[in-house]
Amino acid sequence: MRERHDRLIVLIGVLKLVKALVLLAAAISVFATLHDGVRAALHEFAAGSGREVVMRYVGHLIDGGPHHTELIGGGLLAYAALFAVEGAGLLSHRVWGEWLTICITTSFIPLEIYELVHKSSFVKAAVLVANILIAIYLVGRRIHASHRHGLRGWLRERFGR
């Protein structure tokens, strides 16, 4: 049974690292738009795509000015770093990685519910359900570990390996 749980922790850790890589790529792309040539190419692409959504997002990115673009890129980098730390903590089987993932995952749930209510989609619903299941699983692991090891386990969990 422990192997199955460890595989789930590894899977969650890998998913967190994949999210970090996607966000890092997005941040690099956003920062690239600060270059005038990239901005012009994006504007051409958006205008030629015939897709309203692409035109709107590219317009927001281009027309917002350099400071706006830097804020978006910085936010994406911050989220990427957060997911990378979560993933590393989970893959190294650290208790702090589980607690960090619990805190961060549950903190996003109200925002995900808000997004789902205002602009519902299957993907948003799936992400919400996945995050709720991840949080429940990790909280259950921590409760089980504290009951299994008592005070000594609780102290080791917080202050040592």
Protein backbone atom coordinates (compact mmCIF):
# COMPACT_ATOMS: atom_id res chain seq x y z
CA MET A 1 0.00 0.00 0.00
CA ARG A 2 2.88 2.38 0.78
CA GLU A 3 4.28 1.99 -2.75
CA ARG A 4 0.95 3.06 -4.22
CA HIS A 5 0.90 6.15 -2.01
CA ASP A 6 4.48 6.97 -2.93
CA ARG A 7 3.58 6.68 -6.62
CA LEU A 8 0.72 9.13 -6.12
CA ILE A 9 3.06 11.59 -4.40
CA VAL A 10 5.52 11.22 -7.29
CA LEU A 11 2.70 11.72 -9.81
CA ILE A 12 1.53 14.88 -8.05
CA GLY A 13 5.14 16.11 -7.86
CA VAL A 14 5.67 15.49 -11.58
CA LEU A 15 2.43 17.31 -12.41
CA LYS A 16 3.60 20.28 -10.34
CA LEU A 17 6.92 20.34 -12.22
CA VAL A 18 5.12 20.15 -15.57
CA LYS A 19 2.98 23.14 -14.51
CA ALA A 20 6.19 24.96 -13.55
CA LEU A 21 7.73 24.30 -16.98
CA VAL A 22 4.59 25.45 -18.81
CA LEU A 23 4.46 28.64 -16.73
CA LEU A 24 8.18 29.23 -17.30
CA ALA A 25 7.67 28.90 -21.06
CA ALA A 26 4.72 31.30 -20.85
CA ALA A 27 6.81 33.81 -18.87
CA ILE A 28 9.63 33.64 -21.41
CA SER A 29 7.08 34.19 -24.19
CA VAL A 30 5.59 37.18 -22.38
CA PHE A 31 9.02 38.73 -21.78
CA ALA A 32 9.86 38.17 -25.46
CA THR A 33 6.98 40.50 -26.36
CA LEU A 34 9.00 43.37 -24.90
CA HIS A 35 11.11 43.23 -28.07
CA ASP A 36 9.62 45.42 -30.81
CA GLY A 37 10.10 42.81 -33.53
CA VAL A 38 8.29 40.17 -31.50
CA ARG A 39 5.47 42.62 -30.77
CA ALA A 40 5.03 43.38 -34.47
CA ALA A 41 5.03 39.67 -35.38
CA LEU A 42 2.44 38.95 -32.68
CA HIS A 43 0.26 41.77 -33.91
CA GLU A 44 0.42 40.37 -37.47
CA PHE A 45 -0.30 36.86 -36.23
CA ALA A 46 -3.29 37.98 -34.20
CA ALA A 47 -4.71 40.07 -37.04
CA GLY A 48 -4.27 37.22 -39.52
CA SER A 49 -5.61 34.50 -37.27
CA GLY A 50 -9.23 35.51 -37.61
CA ARG A 51 -9.80 34.41 -34.04
CA GLU A 52 -11.33 36.90 -31.68
CA VAL A 53 -9.81 35.28 -28.58
CA VAL A 54 -6.25 35.36 -29.94
CA MET A 55 -6.65 38.98 -31.02
CA ARG A 56 -8.01 39.99 -27.61
CA TYR A 57 -5.23 38.34 -25.56
CA VAL A 58 -2.44 39.52 -27.83
CA GLY A 59 -3.97 42.99 -27.78
CA HIS A 60 -3.99 43.03 -23.97
CA LEU A 61 -0.38 41.93 -23.88
CA ILE A 62 0.86 44.34 -26.54
CA ASP A 63 -1.24 47.38 -25.70
CA GLY A 64 -0.70 47.20 -21.95
CA GLY A 65 2.76 48.71 -22.17
CA PRO A 66 6.10 47.37 -20.97
CA HIS A 67 5.31 47.68 -17.26
CA HIS A 68 2.09 45.68 -17.69
CA THR A 69 3.99 43.03 -19.65
CA GLU A 70 6.71 42.83 -17.00
CA LEU A 71 4.08 42.36 -14.28
CA ILE A 72 2.46 39.51 -16.19
CA GLY A 73 5.82 37.86 -16.85
CA GLY A 74 6.88 38.31 -13.22
CA GLY A 75 3.64 36.79 -11.98
CA LEU A 76 4.10 33.80 -14.26
CA LEU A 77 7.69 33.37 -13.02
CA ALA A 78 6.54 33.53 -9.40
CA TYR A 79 3.90 30.84 -10.00
CA ALA A 80 6.44 28.72 -11.87
CA ALA A 81 8.86 28.96 -8.94
CA LEU A 82 6.11 28.06 -6.49
CA PHE A 83 5.10 24.96 -8.48
CA ALA A 84 8.75 23.97 -8.90
CA VAL A 85 9.34 24.12 -5.14
CA GLU A 86 6.15 22.10 -4.52
CA GLY A 87 7.19 19.48 -7.07
CA ALA A 88 10.73 19.22 -5.71
CA GLY A 89 9.44 18.85 -2.16
CA LEU A 90 7.00 16.11 -3.17
CA LEU A 91 9.52 14.23 -5.33
CA SER A 92 12.05 14.27 -2.50
CA HIS A 93 9.34 12.89 -0.17
CA ARG A 94 9.59 15.84 2.22
CA VAL A 95 6.76 16.48 4.62
CA TRP A 96 7.13 20.22 4.07
CA GLY A 97 6.46 19.58 0.38
CA GLU A 98 3.16 17.96 1.26
CA TRP A 99 2.19 20.79 3.62
CA LEU A 100 3.19 23.43 1.08
CA THR A 101 1.13 21.68 -1.58
CA ILE A 102 -1.85 21.47 0.77
CA CYS A 103 -1.64 25.19 1.57
CA ILE A 104 -1.14 26.37 -2.00
CA THR A 105 -3.65 23.98 -3.57
CA THR A 106 -6.40 24.82 -1.09
CA SER A 107 -5.70 28.54 -1.40
CA PHE A 108 -6.51 28.38 -5.13
CA ILE A 109 -9.81 26.51 -4.69
CA PRO A 110 -11.96 29.62 -3.95
CA LEU A 111 -10.54 31.36 -7.03
CA GLU A 112 -11.18 28.26 -9.15
CA ILE A 113 -14.79 28.11 -7.90
CA TYR A 114 -15.24 31.80 -8.74
CA GLU A 115 -13.82 31.24 -12.23
CA LEU A 116 -16.03 28.20 -12.75
CA VAL A 117 -19.16 30.10 -11.71
CA HIS A 118 -18.41 33.07 -13.98
CA LYS A 119 -16.99 31.25 -17.00
CA SER A 120 -17.64 27.55 -16.73
CA SER A 121 -15.77 25.01 -18.83
CA PHE A 122 -14.97 21.34 -18.60
CA VAL A 123 -11.26 22.06 -18.13
CA LYS A 124 -11.91 24.45 -15.22
CA ALA A 125 -14.22 21.91 -13.59
CA ALA A 126 -11.64 19.12 -14.04
CA VAL A 127 -8.86 21.26 -12.54
CA LEU A 128 -11.06 22.14 -9.56
CA VAL A 129 -11.98 18.49 -8.93
CA ALA A 130 -8.33 17.40 -9.32
CA ASN A 131 -7.12 20.04 -6.86
CA ILE A 132 -9.80 19.12 -4.31
CA LEU A 133 -8.85 15.43 -4.59
CA ILE A 134 -5.13 16.24 -4.26
CA ALA A 135 -5.79 18.34 -1.14
CA ILE A 136 -7.99 15.67 0.44
CA TYR A 137 -5.42 12.97 -0.30
CA LEU A 138 -2.51 14.95 1.15
CA VAL A 139 -4.44 16.02 4.26
CA GLY A 140 -5.44 12.39 4.76
CA ARG A 141 -1.78 11.33 4.51
CA ARG A 142 -0.74 13.89 7.11
CA ILE A 143 -3.57 12.89 9.50
CA HIS A 144 -2.73 9.21 9.06
CA ALA A 145 0.98 9.87 9.67
CA SER A 146 0.32 11.86 12.83
CA HIS A 147 -1.97 9.15 14.23
CA ARG A 148 0.47 6.41 13.30
CA HIS A 149 3.49 8.00 14.94
CA GLY A 150 1.96 9.98 17.79
CA LEU A 151 3.88 12.83 19.40
CA ARG A 152 7.28 11.53 18.27
CA GLY A 153 6.06 11.45 14.66
CA TRP A 154 4.55 14.90 14.98
CA LEU A 155 7.83 16.34 16.31
CA ARG A 156 9.87 14.56 13.63
CA GLU A 157 7.47 15.78 10.97
CA ARG A 158 7.90 19.39 11.97
CA PHE A 159 11.53 19.57 13.06
CA GLY A 160 13.41 16.77 11.41
CA ARG A 161 13.37 14.24 8.68
